[in-house]
Amino acid sequence: MSSPNNRPVTTVALVENSSNPTNVQLVSAYQTNRIGDPSDLVELARQVQKADDFVRANACNRLTVIAEQIRILQEQARRVLEEAKRDAELHHAACNVVKKPGNIYYLYKRESGQRYFSILSPKEWGPSCPHEFLAAYKLQHDMSWTPYENIEKRDAEINIIDKLLNEQIALPSSTEPNFRGLTN
């Protein structure tokens, strides 16, 4: 059923009448079972409709938050896949030294198109740099690569995570996380 303004009609469920509730005769069945003013039924219907509107709005708001979280997770997944592809390509670049986590390596490109890592920066080469410099990366301990321009930010993130892990281990067990001293 629909009302003239195309909204579903709200029905109100009333408590069933009984002259002997729980097998006990009431003093006045009339007083406990009377219908009352018809405007009370309209008000009851309004209250139920308002509750329905709030429930719908609340559900819509919560679903909107979930949809936004899904978009954020999709973007994070895309970034993870791009970084994994980049890291794999970098690990396959030619290199004549054993790469050690924590060091910075400089990626060059020969005229033949071969990409290779060197431990010498373009600055160290000076004007005699033999090949095109592409980028610099730090090899992390998890074997991921951090672009040179992001090293400071990444190191700060790792320090915060280390601090968080050390603080949580040192604290007595608690049901609430403790982030004291980890921000500014």
Protein backbone atom coordinates (compact mmCIF):
# COMPACT_ATOMS: atom_id res chain seq x y z
CA MET A 1 0.00 0.00 0.00
CA SER A 2 1.14 3.52 -0.72
CA SER A 3 -0.05 6.91 0.38
CA PRO A 4 -0.79 9.76 -2.07
CA ASN A 5 2.78 11.13 -1.69
CA ASN A 6 4.20 7.71 -2.77
CA ARG A 7 5.41 6.71 0.70
CA PRO A 8 4.49 3.33 2.18
CA VAL A 9 1.53 3.43 4.51
CA THR A 10 2.51 2.88 8.13
CA THR A 11 0.43 0.43 10.11
CA VAL A 12 0.27 0.47 13.85
CA ALA A 13 0.06 -2.74 15.87
CA LEU A 14 -1.96 -2.38 19.06
CA VAL A 15 -1.86 -4.74 22.03
CA GLU A 16 -4.64 -7.33 21.93
CA ASN A 17 -7.62 -6.74 24.20
CA SER A 18 -8.35 -9.17 27.00
CA SER A 19 -10.90 -8.76 29.76
CA ASN A 20 -9.06 -11.37 31.85
CA PRO A 21 -5.34 -10.85 31.36
CA THR A 22 -3.36 -13.69 32.96
CA ASN A 23 -6.74 -15.09 34.10
CA VAL A 24 -7.32 -12.23 36.53
CA GLN A 25 -10.49 -10.17 36.31
CA LEU A 26 -9.68 -6.49 36.05
CA VAL A 27 -11.50 -3.99 38.18
CA SER A 28 -12.77 -2.19 35.12
CA ALA A 29 -12.35 -3.89 31.75
CA TYR A 30 -13.74 -0.73 30.13
CA GLN A 31 -10.94 1.46 31.54
CA THR A 32 -8.17 -0.90 30.42
CA ASN A 33 -9.55 -1.83 26.97
CA ARG A 34 -11.17 1.33 25.69
CA ILE A 35 -9.99 2.58 22.32
CA GLY A 36 -9.54 6.17 23.34
CA ASP A 37 -9.21 9.25 21.18
CA PRO A 38 -8.69 8.46 17.45
CA SER A 39 -6.01 11.16 17.30
CA ASP A 40 -3.92 8.93 19.57
CA LEU A 41 -3.84 6.31 16.78
CA VAL A 42 -2.68 8.96 14.31
CA GLU A 43 0.04 10.00 16.73
CA LEU A 44 1.07 6.37 17.18
CA ALA A 45 1.30 6.00 13.39
CA ARG A 46 3.38 9.19 13.18
CA GLN A 47 5.73 7.88 15.84
CA VAL A 48 6.17 4.56 14.05
CA GLN A 49 6.74 6.37 10.72
CA LYS A 50 9.31 8.65 12.35
CA ALA A 51 11.08 5.62 13.82
CA ASP A 52 11.08 3.97 10.37
CA ASP A 53 12.60 7.14 8.87
CA PHE A 54 15.32 7.23 11.53
CA VAL A 55 16.11 3.53 11.10
CA ARG A 56 16.39 4.02 7.32
CA ALA A 57 18.56 7.14 7.66
CA ASN A 58 20.80 5.40 10.20
CA ALA A 59 21.21 2.37 7.93
CA CYS A 60 21.96 4.64 4.94
CA ASN A 61 24.58 6.56 6.95
CA ARG A 62 26.26 3.39 8.11
CA LEU A 63 26.25 1.92 4.59
CA THR A 64 27.74 5.17 3.26
CA VAL A 65 30.60 4.85 5.76
CA ILE A 66 31.15 1.22 4.70
CA ALA A 67 31.12 2.22 1.01
CA GLU A 68 33.77 4.88 1.72
CA GLN A 69 35.86 2.33 3.62
CA ILE A 70 35.59 -0.02 0.64
CA ARG A 71 36.83 2.74 -1.70
CA ILE A 72 39.76 3.42 0.65
CA LEU A 73 40.61 -0.30 0.87
CA GLN A 74 40.42 -0.61 -2.93
CA GLU A 75 42.83 2.31 -3.30
CA GLN A 76 45.17 0.77 -0.72
CA ALA A 77 45.03 -2.58 -2.55
CA ARG A 78 45.85 -0.83 -5.84
CA ARG A 79 48.86 0.89 -4.21
CA VAL A 80 50.05 -2.39 -2.65
CA LEU A 81 49.91 -4.09 -6.05
CA GLU A 82 51.76 -1.21 -7.75
CA GLU A 83 54.45 -1.22 -5.05
CA ALA A 84 54.81 -5.01 -5.27
CA LYS A 85 55.25 -4.76 -9.05
CA ARG A 86 57.84 -1.98 -8.65
CA ASP A 87 59.69 -3.90 -5.92
CA ALA A 88 59.81 -7.06 -8.07
CA GLU A 89 61.14 -5.08 -11.05
CA LEU A 90 63.80 -3.45 -8.85
CA HIS A 91 64.88 -6.79 -7.39
CA HIS A 92 65.39 -8.02 -10.97
CA ALA A 93 67.55 -5.04 -12.00
CA ALA A 94 71.18 -5.99 -12.66
CA CYS A 95 73.52 -5.54 -9.71
CA ASN A 96 77.13 -6.65 -9.12
CA VAL A 97 76.99 -6.27 -5.33
CA VAL A 98 75.05 -8.14 -2.68
CA LYS A 99 72.21 -5.83 -1.71
CA LYS A 100 71.87 -5.33 2.05
CA PRO A 101 68.77 -3.94 3.79
CA GLY A 102 69.21 -0.42 5.16
CA ASN A 103 71.42 0.77 2.27
CA ILE A 104 70.59 3.17 -0.55
CA TYR A 105 71.08 2.01 -4.13
CA TYR A 106 71.13 4.14 -7.29
CA LEU A 107 69.37 2.94 -10.42
CA TYR A 108 70.96 3.73 -13.79
CA LYS A 109 70.08 2.92 -17.38
CA ARG A 110 72.66 1.98 -20.04
CA GLU A 111 72.29 2.95 -23.70
CA SER A 112 71.30 -0.67 -24.34
CA GLY A 113 68.28 -0.22 -22.06
CA GLN A 114 69.67 -2.38 -19.26
CA ARG A 115 68.79 -1.06 -15.83
CA TYR A 116 71.26 -1.66 -13.03
CA PHE A 117 71.91 -0.72 -9.42
CA SER A 118 75.07 0.95 -8.21
CA ILE A 119 76.24 2.01 -4.77
CA LEU A 120 77.59 5.25 -6.28
CA SER A 121 75.28 8.27 -6.43
CA PRO A 122 75.29 10.67 -9.40
CA LYS A 123 76.95 13.20 -7.09
CA GLU A 124 79.77 10.75 -6.37
CA TRP A 125 80.18 10.13 -10.09
CA GLY A 126 80.27 13.84 -10.76
CA PRO A 127 80.38 14.97 -14.39
CA SER A 128 81.80 11.59 -15.45
CA CYS A 129 78.54 9.72 -14.68
CA PRO A 130 78.56 7.06 -17.42
CA HIS A 131 74.82 6.37 -17.69
CA GLU A 132 71.40 7.93 -17.27
CA PHE A 133 70.39 8.18 -13.58
CA LEU A 134 66.81 6.99 -13.04
CA ALA A 135 66.19 7.02 -9.27
CA ALA A 136 67.52 6.14 -5.83
CA TYR A 137 65.94 3.64 -3.44
CA LYS A 138 66.50 2.37 0.08
CA LEU A 139 66.22 -1.38 0.53
CA GLN A 140 64.08 -1.97 3.62
CA HIS A 141 64.46 -4.93 6.01
CA ASP A 142 61.24 -6.44 4.63
CA MET A 143 62.95 -6.37 1.19
CA SER A 144 60.68 -3.61 -0.11
CA TRP A 145 62.12 -0.54 -1.81
CA THR A 146 61.48 3.04 -0.66
CA PRO A 147 62.01 5.86 -3.18
CA TYR A 148 64.70 8.29 -2.02
CA GLU A 149 62.25 11.17 -1.58
CA ASN A 150 60.13 9.05 0.80
CA ILE A 151 62.94 7.63 2.95
CA GLU A 152 62.60 10.17 5.77
CA LYS A 153 58.82 9.69 5.97
CA ARG A 154 59.12 5.89 5.85
CA ASP A 155 61.81 5.84 8.54
CA ALA A 156 59.61 8.02 10.78
CA GLU A 157 56.69 5.59 10.27
CA ILE A 158 58.89 2.62 11.12
CA ASN A 159 60.15 4.40 14.27
CA ILE A 160 56.57 5.06 15.41
CA ILE A 161 55.62 1.42 14.82
CA ASP A 162 58.70 0.25 16.72
CA LYS A 163 57.86 2.60 19.57
CA LEU A 164 54.24 1.38 19.59
CA LEU A 165 55.35 -2.24 19.74
CA ASN A 166 57.86 -1.54 22.51
CA GLU A 167 55.35 0.51 24.55
CA GLN A 168 52.59 -2.10 24.22
CA ILE A 169 54.92 -4.93 25.25
CA ALA A 170 56.11 -2.99 28.30
CA LEU A 171 52.58 -2.20 29.50
CA PRO A 172 50.48 -4.51 31.63
CA SER A 173 47.73 -6.24 29.67
CA SER A 174 44.75 -4.02 29.00
CA THR A 175 41.57 -4.25 27.00
CA GLU A 176 42.19 -0.79 25.50
CA PRO A 177 45.09 0.17 23.22
CA ASN A 178 47.53 2.72 24.59
CA PHE A 179 48.93 5.33 22.21
CA ARG A 180 50.32 7.73 24.84
CA GLY A 181 53.50 9.44 23.76
CA LEU A 182 53.28 8.21 20.18
CA THR A 183 51.95 11.40 18.66
CA ASN A 184 53.53 14.85 18.75
